[in-house]
Amino acid sequence: MTEDNDEISLVDLALTVAENLRLLIIGPIAAGLVALGVSSFLPKTFESVAILNVNDQPEKVASLATSAAVLDPVAEQLGLTKSATRDAARAALRGRVSMAVGRKDGLLTLTAKGESGEEAEALANAVLAQLFVSVAPKGQDEVDLEKSLALARSLYANNKLVIERSSALMGAAKSENAVNAVNAGLQGYAELIALQQSLAIRIANDERSLRGLSDANLAQPPILPTQHVAPKRSLISVLAALATGFALLLFVFIRKALANAAVSGDGERVSQIKGYLLGVVGIRR
């Protein structure tokens, strides 16, 4: 065999493609249509999305949303533990529920999946309800918060009286032209105002912590999806057509190479190659 016979030119490749053009066109189209039809019978997946506005520790709340403390009661509520163990039901829910924290706005986005829009929405509502229960203060934490709130309110009320009296005294001193007393009073008055502001912030934080999370924190309640997000029929069809086209092209070139080798007197090597290929797929001659 000469070196010229071993070389494959672009013309040879183009000729091989042209000889099998019908197969290379019809095959991928048929595969794409079959994949499109099969994907129509696959279970559909819908996503319900809710957005939660959390001021304190959003990362902690996001982690809690997929924890056993939230998912186990949800699994029992939805009846998933009747046909599976608690661990299996929890694992299944973790594949259907996710919560992400926005990098810029800090908002929490809850995504729940279901085979129907109603199922996805119901799952999102169940997760949110259990999440609200889980983040609410309980036991000693609740007692400590109530004590802290009561103390802050008491200090706020007393400080308010002191501010009112200080304002009256400074007014009297100003009318008597007691400049030094007024200046000293202004400094103390500013400190009282700053203390009052910090107490107001503390009261608001304690009240928010006692309330926990509720529907008032929802920037967007769970939506009822009307269009499925999976399977992506068009993508499946295109990928199936491309894969089939590549496989058929490879098959055509291999078949052409084997035919050329048989004609050129390499029949023994062709037989060996066929034997190896048949052995790979488990067929013995």
C-alpha atoms as a PDB file:
ATOM      1  CA  MET A   1       0.000   0.000   0.000  1.00  0.00           C
ATOM      2  CA  THR A   2       1.439   3.371  -0.950  1.00  0.00           C
ATOM      3  CA  GLU A   3       1.499   6.496   1.141  1.00  0.00           C
ATOM      4  CA  ASP A   4      -0.954   8.186  -1.256  1.00  0.00           C
ATOM      5  CA  ASN A   5      -3.545   5.484  -0.580  1.00  0.00           C
ATOM      6  CA  ASP A   6      -3.265   5.996   3.187  1.00  0.00           C
ATOM      7  CA  GLU A   7      -3.989   9.715   2.967  1.00  0.00           C
ATOM      8  CA  ILE A   8      -7.576  10.956   3.298  1.00  0.00           C
ATOM      9  CA  SER A   9      -8.389  14.198   1.535  1.00  0.00           C
ATOM     10  CA  LEU A  10     -11.203  16.623   2.189  1.00  0.00           C
ATOM     11  CA  VAL A  11     -12.708  15.568  -1.114  1.00  0.00           C
ATOM     12  CA  ASP A  12     -12.951  11.978   0.131  1.00  0.00           C
ATOM     13  CA  LEU A  13     -14.653  13.144   3.307  1.00  0.00           C
ATOM     14  CA  ALA A  14     -17.070  15.331   1.376  1.00  0.00           C
ATOM     15  CA  LEU A  15     -17.826  12.457  -0.971  1.00  0.00           C
ATOM     16  CA  THR A  16     -18.544  10.149   1.944  1.00  0.00           C
ATOM     17  CA  VAL A  17     -20.912  12.711   3.462  1.00  0.00           C
ATOM     18  CA  ALA A  18     -22.650  13.258   0.126  1.00  0.00           C
ATOM     19  CA  GLU A  19     -23.142   9.517  -0.394  1.00  0.00           C
ATOM     20  CA  ASN A  20     -24.853   9.243   3.006  1.00  0.00           C
ATOM     21  CA  LEU A  21     -26.517  12.649   3.045  1.00  0.00           C
ATOM     22  CA  ARG A  22     -30.039  11.259   3.298  1.00  0.00           C
ATOM     23  CA  LEU A  23     -29.124   9.173   6.337  1.00  0.00           C
ATOM     24  CA  LEU A  24     -27.300  12.086   7.978  1.00  0.00           C
ATOM     25  CA  ILE A  25     -30.321  14.363   7.535  1.00  0.00           C
ATOM     26  CA  ILE A  26     -33.255  12.054   8.154  1.00  0.00           C
ATOM     27  CA  GLY A  27     -31.620  10.257  11.108  1.00  0.00           C
ATOM     28  CA  PRO A  28     -31.124  13.317  13.371  1.00  0.00           C
ATOM     29  CA  ILE A  29     -34.527  14.732  12.444  1.00  0.00           C
ATOM     30  CA  ALA A  30     -36.221  11.446  13.296  1.00  0.00           C
ATOM     31  CA  ALA A  31     -34.300  11.200  16.578  1.00  0.00           C
ATOM     32  CA  GLY A  32     -35.244  14.768  17.487  1.00  0.00           C
ATOM     33  CA  LEU A  33     -38.920  14.116  16.783  1.00  0.00           C
ATOM     34  CA  VAL A  34     -38.862  10.898  18.814  1.00  0.00           C
ATOM     35  CA  ALA A  35     -37.168  12.714  21.726  1.00  0.00           C
ATOM     36  CA  LEU A  36     -39.752  15.490  21.468  1.00  0.00           C
ATOM     37  CA  GLY A  37     -42.570  12.974  21.658  1.00  0.00           C
ATOM     38  CA  VAL A  38     -41.036  11.015  24.535  1.00  0.00           C
ATOM     39  CA  SER A  39     -40.380  14.197  26.537  1.00  0.00           C
ATOM     40  CA  SER A  40     -44.098  14.994  26.319  1.00  0.00           C
ATOM     41  CA  PHE A  41     -44.796  11.978  28.536  1.00  0.00           C
ATOM     42  CA  LEU A  42     -42.153  12.836  31.155  1.00  0.00           C
ATOM     43  CA  PRO A  43     -43.389  14.223  34.506  1.00  0.00           C
ATOM     44  CA  LYS A  44     -43.597  18.010  34.449  1.00  0.00           C
ATOM     45  CA  THR A  45     -42.002  20.186  37.119  1.00  0.00           C
ATOM     46  CA  PHE A  46     -43.498  23.472  38.298  1.00  0.00           C
ATOM     47  CA  GLU A  47     -41.795  26.029  40.552  1.00  0.00           C
ATOM     48  CA  SER A  48     -43.477  28.302  43.087  1.00  0.00           C
ATOM     49  CA  VAL A  49     -41.347  31.243  44.235  1.00  0.00           C
ATOM     50  CA  ALA A  50     -41.734  33.348  47.371  1.00  0.00           C
ATOM     51  CA  ILE A  51     -39.579  36.295  48.500  1.00  0.00           C
ATOM     52  CA  LEU A  52     -38.973  36.943  52.197  1.00  0.00           C
ATOM     53  CA  ASN A  53     -37.621  40.127  53.753  1.00  0.00           C
ATOM     54  CA  VAL A  54     -35.566  39.247  56.853  1.00  0.00           C
ATOM     55  CA  ASN A  55     -33.648  41.917  58.741  1.00  0.00           C
ATOM     56  CA  ASP A  56     -31.638  39.725  61.104  1.00  0.00           C
ATOM     57  CA  GLN A  57     -29.319  36.884  60.028  1.00  0.00           C
ATOM     58  CA  PRO A  58     -30.847  35.988  56.641  1.00  0.00           C
ATOM     59  CA  GLU A  59     -28.176  33.317  56.083  1.00  0.00           C
ATOM     60  CA  LYS A  60     -29.265  31.518  59.253  1.00  0.00           C
ATOM     61  CA  VAL A  61     -32.913  31.605  58.170  1.00  0.00           C
ATOM     62  CA  ALA A  62     -31.994  30.277  54.721  1.00  0.00           C
ATOM     63  CA  SER A  63     -30.129  27.340  56.265  1.00  0.00           C
ATOM     64  CA  LEU A  64     -33.015  26.627  58.610  1.00  0.00           C
ATOM     65  CA  ALA A  65     -35.458  26.412  55.686  1.00  0.00           C
ATOM     66  CA  THR A  66     -33.889  23.144  54.496  1.00  0.00           C
ATOM     67  CA  SER A  67     -33.152  21.728  57.945  1.00  0.00           C
ATOM     68  CA  ALA A  68     -34.847  18.781  59.621  1.00  0.00           C
ATOM     69  CA  ALA A  69     -36.609  21.171  62.017  1.00  0.00           C
ATOM     70  CA  VAL A  70     -38.613  22.544  59.080  1.00  0.00           C
ATOM     71  CA  LEU A  71     -38.741  19.693  56.567  1.00  0.00           C
ATOM     72  CA  ASP A  72     -39.716  16.860  58.939  1.00  0.00           C
ATOM     73  CA  PRO A  73     -43.009  18.490  60.032  1.00  0.00           C
ATOM     74  CA  VAL A  74     -43.706  19.454  56.403  1.00  0.00           C
ATOM     75  CA  ALA A  75     -43.147  15.844  55.290  1.00  0.00           C
ATOM     76  CA  GLU A  76     -45.628  14.623  57.908  1.00  0.00           C
ATOM     77  CA  GLN A  77     -48.124  17.305  56.964  1.00  0.00           C
ATOM     78  CA  LEU A  78     -47.969  16.341  53.286  1.00  0.00           C
ATOM     79  CA  GLY A  79     -48.161  12.628  54.095  1.00  0.00           C
ATOM     80  CA  LEU A  80     -44.743  11.807  52.649  1.00  0.00           C
ATOM     81  CA  THR A  81     -43.754   9.732  55.684  1.00  0.00           C
ATOM     82  CA  LYS A  82     -46.577   7.250  55.024  1.00  0.00           C
ATOM     83  CA  SER A  83     -44.777   5.675  52.061  1.00  0.00           C
ATOM     84  CA  ALA A  84     -41.162   6.402  53.034  1.00  0.00           C
ATOM     85  CA  THR A  85     -38.954   6.768  56.066  1.00  0.00           C
ATOM     86  CA  ARG A  86     -38.470  10.174  57.660  1.00  0.00           C
ATOM     87  CA  ASP A  87     -34.909  10.421  56.329  1.00  0.00           C
ATOM     88  CA  ALA A  88     -36.023   9.500  52.798  1.00  0.00           C
ATOM     89  CA  ALA A  89     -38.908  11.985  52.914  1.00  0.00           C
ATOM     90  CA  ARG A  90     -36.566  14.726  54.152  1.00  0.00           C
ATOM     91  CA  ALA A  91     -34.060  13.972  51.385  1.00  0.00           C
ATOM     92  CA  ALA A  92     -36.832  14.109  48.788  1.00  0.00           C
ATOM     93  CA  LEU A  93     -37.999  17.487  50.080  1.00  0.00           C
ATOM     94  CA  ARG A  94     -34.455  18.865  50.022  1.00  0.00           C
ATOM     95  CA  GLY A  95     -34.424  18.105  46.315  1.00  0.00           C
ATOM     96  CA  ARG A  96     -37.620  20.115  45.892  1.00  0.00           C
ATOM     97  CA  VAL A  97     -37.017  23.052  48.247  1.00  0.00           C
ATOM     98  CA  SER A  98     -34.255  25.646  48.147  1.00  0.00           C
ATOM     99  CA  MET A  99     -33.691  29.103  49.602  1.00  0.00           C
ATOM    100  CA  ALA A 100     -31.111  31.620  48.412  1.00  0.00           C
ATOM    101  CA  VAL A 101     -29.939  34.936  49.870  1.00  0.00           C
ATOM    102  CA  GLY A 102     -29.681  37.894  47.517  1.00  0.00           C
ATOM    103  CA  ARG A 103     -26.178  39.333  47.461  1.00  0.00           C
ATOM    104  CA  LYS A 104     -27.264  42.924  46.922  1.00  0.00           C
ATOM    105  CA  ASP A 105     -30.633  43.262  48.646  1.00  0.00           C
ATOM    106  CA  GLY A 106     -30.369  40.442  51.226  1.00  0.00           C
ATOM    107  CA  LEU A 107     -33.836  39.162  50.318  1.00  0.00           C
ATOM    108  CA  LEU A 108     -34.531  35.440  50.715  1.00  0.00           C
ATOM    109  CA  THR A 109     -35.926  33.615  47.694  1.00  0.00           C
ATOM    110  CA  LEU A 110     -37.747  30.358  48.402  1.00  0.00           C
ATOM    111  CA  THR A 111     -38.256  27.972  45.490  1.00  0.00           C
ATOM    112  CA  ALA A 112     -40.520  24.932  45.825  1.00  0.00           C
ATOM    113  CA  LYS A 113     -41.012  22.319  43.097  1.00  0.00           C
ATOM    114  CA  GLY A 114     -43.991  20.099  42.376  1.00  0.00           C
ATOM    115  CA  GLU A 115     -45.580  18.054  39.615  1.00  0.00           C
ATOM    116  CA  SER A 116     -48.360  20.639  39.372  1.00  0.00           C
ATOM    117  CA  GLY A 117     -48.629  24.339  40.062  1.00  0.00           C
ATOM    118  CA  GLU A 118     -50.963  23.724  42.993  1.00  0.00           C
ATOM    119  CA  GLU A 119     -48.580  21.167  44.516  1.00  0.00           C
ATOM    120  CA  ALA A 120     -45.619  23.553  44.239  1.00  0.00           C
ATOM    121  CA  GLU A 121     -47.584  26.416  45.811  1.00  0.00           C
ATOM    122  CA  ALA A 122     -48.844  24.196  48.649  1.00  0.00           C
ATOM    123  CA  LEU A 123     -45.301  23.037  49.389  1.00  0.00           C
ATOM    124  CA  ALA A 124     -44.007  26.617  49.484  1.00  0.00           C
ATOM    125  CA  ASN A 125     -46.783  27.667  51.881  1.00  0.00           C
ATOM    126  CA  ALA A 126     -46.132  24.653  54.135  1.00  0.00           C
ATOM    127  CA  VAL A 127     -42.390  25.382  54.291  1.00  0.00           C
ATOM    128  CA  LEU A 128     -42.979  29.054  55.085  1.00  0.00           C
ATOM    129  CA  ALA A 129     -45.504  28.257  57.819  1.00  0.00           C
ATOM    130  CA  GLN A 130     -43.120  25.831  59.502  1.00  0.00           C
ATOM    131  CA  LEU A 131     -40.201  28.234  59.035  1.00  0.00           C
ATOM    132  CA  PHE A 132     -42.162  30.950  60.849  1.00  0.00           C
ATOM    133  CA  VAL A 133     -42.764  28.555  63.741  1.00  0.00           C
ATOM    134  CA  SER A 134     -39.122  27.472  63.884  1.00  0.00           C
ATOM    135  CA  VAL A 135     -37.617  30.965  64.041  1.00  0.00           C
ATOM    136  CA  ALA A 136     -40.017  32.194  66.754  1.00  0.00           C
ATOM    137  CA  PRO A 137     -38.291  32.494  70.172  1.00  0.00           C
ATOM    138  CA  LYS A 138     -39.176  29.739  72.617  1.00  0.00           C
ATOM    139  CA  GLY A 139     -38.545  28.860  76.240  1.00  0.00           C
ATOM    140  CA  GLN A 140     -35.822  30.809  77.992  1.00  0.00           C
ATOM    141  CA  ASP A 141     -35.048  32.856  74.872  1.00  0.00           C
ATOM    142  CA  GLU A 142     -38.598  34.174  74.855  1.00  0.00           C
ATOM    143  CA  VAL A 143     -38.433  34.948  78.610  1.00  0.00           C
ATOM    144  CA  ASP A 144     -35.135  36.817  78.207  1.00  0.00           C
ATOM    145  CA  LEU A 145     -36.493  38.862  75.316  1.00  0.00           C
ATOM    146  CA  GLU A 146     -39.599  39.810  77.270  1.00  0.00           C
ATOM    147  CA  LYS A 147     -37.455  40.937  80.230  1.00  0.00           C
ATOM    148  CA  SER A 148     -35.161  42.908  77.946  1.00  0.00           C
ATOM    149  CA  LEU A 149     -38.143  44.572  76.257  1.00  0.00           C
ATOM    150  CA  ALA A 150     -39.770  45.466  79.583  1.00  0.00           C
ATOM    151  CA  LEU A 151     -36.530  46.987  80.870  1.00  0.00           C
ATOM    152  CA  ALA A 152     -35.982  48.979  77.667  1.00  0.00           C
ATOM    153  CA  ARG A 153     -39.538  50.350  77.784  1.00  0.00           C
ATOM    154  CA  SER A 154     -39.116  51.361  81.425  1.00  0.00           C
ATOM    155  CA  LEU A 155     -35.828  53.109  80.713  1.00  0.00           C
ATOM    156  CA  TYR A 156     -37.380  54.807  77.692  1.00  0.00           C
ATOM    157  CA  ALA A 157     -40.267  56.170  79.745  1.00  0.00           C
ATOM    158  CA  ASN A 158     -38.001  57.422  82.557  1.00  0.00           C
ATOM    159  CA  ASN A 159     -35.564  58.984  80.142  1.00  0.00           C
ATOM    160  CA  LYS A 160     -38.439  60.742  78.408  1.00  0.00           C
ATOM    161  CA  LEU A 161     -39.413  62.409  81.692  1.00  0.00           C
ATOM    162  CA  VAL A 162     -35.811  63.469  82.289  1.00  0.00           C
ATOM    163  CA  ILE A 163     -35.648  64.972  78.795  1.00  0.00           C
ATOM    164  CA  GLU A 164     -38.836  66.927  79.374  1.00  0.00           C
ATOM    165  CA  ARG A 165     -37.598  68.286  82.717  1.00  0.00           C
ATOM    166  CA  SER A 166     -34.199  69.134  81.256  1.00  0.00           C
ATOM    167  CA  SER A 167     -35.859  71.017  78.425  1.00  0.00           C
ATOM    168  CA  ALA A 168     -37.917  73.027  80.917  1.00  0.00           C
ATOM    169  CA  LEU A 169     -34.869  73.842  83.077  1.00  0.00           C
ATOM    170  CA  MET A 170     -32.847  74.978  80.065  1.00  0.00           C
ATOM    171  CA  GLY A 171     -35.693  77.188  79.003  1.00  0.00           C
ATOM    172  CA  ALA A 172     -35.764  78.809  82.431  1.00  0.00           C
ATOM    173  CA  ALA A 173     -31.979  79.268  82.484  1.00  0.00           C
ATOM    174  CA  LYS A 174     -32.032  80.812  79.035  1.00  0.00           C
ATOM    175  CA  SER A 175     -34.605  83.353  80.113  1.00  0.00           C
ATOM    176  CA  GLU A 176     -32.326  84.336  83.000  1.00  0.00           C
ATOM    177  CA  ASN A 177     -29.325  84.666  80.644  1.00  0.00           C
ATOM    178  CA  ALA A 178     -27.414  81.896  82.444  1.00  0.00           C
ATOM    179  CA  VAL A 179     -25.173  81.128  79.468  1.00  0.00           C
ATOM    180  CA  ASN A 180     -22.888  78.635  81.207  1.00  0.00           C
ATOM    181  CA  ALA A 181     -25.800  76.693  82.615  1.00  0.00           C
ATOM    182  CA  VAL A 182     -27.459  76.577  79.204  1.00  0.00           C
ATOM    183  CA  ASN A 183     -24.296  75.276  77.524  1.00  0.00           C
ATOM    184  CA  ALA A 184     -23.833  72.577  80.159  1.00  0.00           C
ATOM    185  CA  GLY A 185     -27.493  71.685  79.876  1.00  0.00           C
ATOM    186  CA  LEU A 186     -27.283  71.381  76.085  1.00  0.00           C
ATOM    187  CA  GLN A 187     -24.444  68.855  76.348  1.00  0.00           C
ATOM    188  CA  GLY A 188     -26.368  66.722  78.829  1.00  0.00           C
ATOM    189  CA  TYR A 189     -29.536  67.118  76.771  1.00  0.00           C
ATOM    190  CA  ALA A 190     -27.791  65.790  73.647  1.00  0.00           C
ATOM    191  CA  GLU A 191     -26.618  62.741  75.582  1.00  0.00           C
ATOM    192  CA  LEU A 192     -30.161  62.100  76.784  1.00  0.00           C
ATOM    193  CA  ILE A 193     -31.489  62.330  73.237  1.00  0.00           C
ATOM    194  CA  ALA A 194     -28.849  59.860  72.002  1.00  0.00           C
ATOM    195  CA  LEU A 195     -29.743  57.483  74.820  1.00  0.00           C
ATOM    196  CA  GLN A 196     -33.417  57.789  73.942  1.00  0.00           C
ATOM    197  CA  GLN A 197     -32.712  56.915  70.311  1.00  0.00           C
ATOM    198  CA  SER A 198     -30.665  53.854  71.252  1.00  0.00           C
ATOM    199  CA  LEU A 199     -33.462  52.707  73.582  1.00  0.00           C
ATOM    200  CA  ALA A 200     -35.999  53.102  70.801  1.00  0.00           C
ATOM    201  CA  ILE A 201     -33.864  50.942  68.494  1.00  0.00           C
ATOM    202  CA  ARG A 202     -33.483  48.329  71.230  1.00  0.00           C
ATOM    203  CA  ILE A 203     -37.244  48.244  71.813  1.00  0.00           C
ATOM    204  CA  ALA A 204     -37.924  47.852  68.090  1.00  0.00           C
ATOM    205  CA  ASN A 205     -35.387  45.008  67.798  1.00  0.00           C
ATOM    206  CA  ASP A 206     -36.788  43.170  70.825  1.00  0.00           C
ATOM    207  CA  GLU A 207     -40.347  43.538  69.556  1.00  0.00           C
ATOM    208  CA  ARG A 208     -39.328  42.235  66.128  1.00  0.00           C
ATOM    209  CA  SER A 209     -37.477  39.295  67.688  1.00  0.00           C
ATOM    210  CA  LEU A 210     -40.520  38.409  69.816  1.00  0.00           C
ATOM    211  CA  ARG A 211     -42.806  38.542  66.803  1.00  0.00           C
ATOM    212  CA  GLY A 212     -40.486  36.353  64.746  1.00  0.00           C
ATOM    213  CA  LEU A 213     -41.420  36.016  61.071  1.00  0.00           C
ATOM    214  CA  SER A 214     -44.897  36.205  59.613  1.00  0.00           C
ATOM    215  CA  ASP A 215     -46.736  36.952  56.385  1.00  0.00           C
ATOM    216  CA  ALA A 216     -45.873  40.609  56.990  1.00  0.00           C
ATOM    217  CA  ASN A 217     -42.264  39.748  56.076  1.00  0.00           C
ATOM    218  CA  LEU A 218     -43.276  38.413  52.664  1.00  0.00           C
ATOM    219  CA  ALA A 219     -42.233  40.714  49.856  1.00  0.00           C
ATOM    220  CA  GLN A 220     -43.885  38.206  47.520  1.00  0.00           C
ATOM    221  CA  PRO A 221     -46.155  35.350  48.647  1.00  0.00           C
ATOM    222  CA  PRO A 222     -45.804  31.962  46.927  1.00  0.00           C
ATOM    223  CA  ILE A 223     -47.007  32.256  43.352  1.00  0.00           C
ATOM    224  CA  LEU A 224     -49.180  29.726  41.524  1.00  0.00           C
ATOM    225  CA  PRO A 225     -47.111  28.726  38.460  1.00  0.00           C
ATOM    226  CA  THR A 226     -48.956  28.071  35.229  1.00  0.00           C
ATOM    227  CA  GLN A 227     -46.021  26.941  33.071  1.00  0.00           C
ATOM    228  CA  HIS A 228     -43.664  24.081  33.809  1.00  0.00           C
ATOM    229  CA  VAL A 229     -39.906  24.616  33.975  1.00  0.00           C
ATOM    230  CA  ALA A 230     -38.985  21.021  33.100  1.00  0.00           C
ATOM    231  CA  PRO A 231     -38.634  19.011  31.000  1.00  0.00           C
ATOM    232  CA  LYS A 232     -37.316  21.422  28.397  1.00  0.00           C
ATOM    233  CA  ARG A 233     -38.703  19.658  25.346  1.00  0.00           C
ATOM    234  CA  SER A 234     -36.971  21.804  22.734  1.00  0.00           C
ATOM    235  CA  LEU A 235     -33.574  21.411  24.418  1.00  0.00           C
ATOM    236  CA  ILE A 236     -34.002  17.630  24.722  1.00  0.00           C
ATOM    237  CA  SER A 237     -34.997  17.417  21.056  1.00  0.00           C
ATOM    238  CA  VAL A 238     -32.014  19.471  19.870  1.00  0.00           C
ATOM    239  CA  LEU A 239     -29.521  17.511  21.995  1.00  0.00           C
ATOM    240  CA  ALA A 240     -30.942  14.197  20.761  1.00  0.00           C
ATOM    241  CA  ALA A 241     -30.664  15.348  17.138  1.00  0.00           C
ATOM    242  CA  LEU A 242     -27.070  16.536  17.612  1.00  0.00           C
ATOM    243  CA  ALA A 243     -26.008  13.354  19.378  1.00  0.00           C
ATOM    244  CA  THR A 244     -27.627  11.191  16.693  1.00  0.00           C
ATOM    245  CA  GLY A 245     -26.043  13.220  13.916  1.00  0.00           C
ATOM    246  CA  PHE A 246     -22.588  12.871  15.461  1.00  0.00           C
ATOM    247  CA  ALA A 247     -23.049   9.116  15.983  1.00  0.00           C
ATOM    248  CA  LEU A 248     -24.259   8.598  12.405  1.00  0.00           C
ATOM    249  CA  LEU A 249     -21.383  10.658  11.010  1.00  0.00           C
ATOM    250  CA  LEU A 250     -18.913   8.583  12.963  1.00  0.00           C
ATOM    251  CA  PHE A 251     -20.608   5.390  11.776  1.00  0.00           C
ATOM    252  CA  VAL A 252     -20.459   6.512   8.131  1.00  0.00           C
ATOM    253  CA  PHE A 253     -16.747   7.333   8.278  1.00  0.00           C
ATOM    254  CA  ILE A 254     -15.890   4.077  10.041  1.00  0.00           C
ATOM    255  CA  ARG A 255     -17.909   2.061   7.542  1.00  0.00           C
ATOM    256  CA  LYS A 256     -16.234   3.849   4.649  1.00  0.00           C
ATOM    257  CA  ALA A 257     -12.778   3.274   6.109  1.00  0.00           C
ATOM    258  CA  LEU A 258     -13.454  -0.432   6.584  1.00  0.00           C
ATOM    259  CA  ALA A 259     -14.784  -0.735   3.026  1.00  0.00           C
ATOM    260  CA  ASN A 260     -11.701   0.972   1.591  1.00  0.00           C
ATOM    261  CA  ALA A 261      -9.418  -1.247   3.646  1.00  0.00           C
ATOM    262  CA  ALA A 262     -11.177  -4.398   2.402  1.00  0.00           C
ATOM    263  CA  VAL A 263     -10.839  -3.299  -1.216  1.00  0.00           C
ATOM    264  CA  SER A 264      -7.156  -2.427  -0.806  1.00  0.00           C
ATOM    265  CA  GLY A 265      -6.258  -5.919   0.440  1.00  0.00           C
ATOM    266  CA  ASP A 266      -6.400  -5.331   4.193  1.00  0.00           C
ATOM    267  CA  GLY A 267      -9.156  -7.880   4.668  1.00  0.00           C
ATOM    268  CA  GLU A 268      -7.357  -9.629   7.536  1.00  0.00           C
ATOM    269  CA  ARG A 269      -6.985  -6.401   9.521  1.00  0.00           C
ATOM    270  CA  VAL A 270     -10.616  -5.515   8.852  1.00  0.00           C
ATOM    271  CA  SER A 271     -11.682  -8.899  10.198  1.00  0.00           C
ATOM    272  CA  GLN A 272      -9.616  -8.308  13.326  1.00  0.00           C
ATOM    273  CA  ILE A 273     -11.199  -4.885  13.855  1.00  0.00           C
ATOM    274  CA  LYS A 274     -14.691  -6.317  13.434  1.00  0.00           C
ATOM    275  CA  GLY A 275     -13.834  -9.074  15.887  1.00  0.00           C
ATOM    276  CA  TYR A 276     -12.658  -6.563  18.477  1.00  0.00           C
ATOM    277  CA  LEU A 277     -15.776  -4.429  18.024  1.00  0.00           C
ATOM    278  CA  LEU A 278     -18.076  -7.426  18.336  1.00  0.00           C
ATOM    279  CA  GLY A 279     -16.213  -8.510  21.443  1.00  0.00           C
ATOM    280  CA  VAL A 280     -16.774  -5.112  23.039  1.00  0.00           C
ATOM    281  CA  VAL A 281     -20.551  -5.431  22.665  1.00  0.00           C
ATOM    282  CA  GLY A 282     -20.467  -9.052  23.865  1.00  0.00           C
ATOM    283  CA  ILE A 283     -20.984 -10.813  20.524  1.00  0.00           C
ATOM    284  CA  ARG A 284     -18.635 -13.720  19.849  1.00  0.00           C
ATOM    285  CA  ARG A 285     -18.184 -15.034  16.359  1.00  0.00           C
END
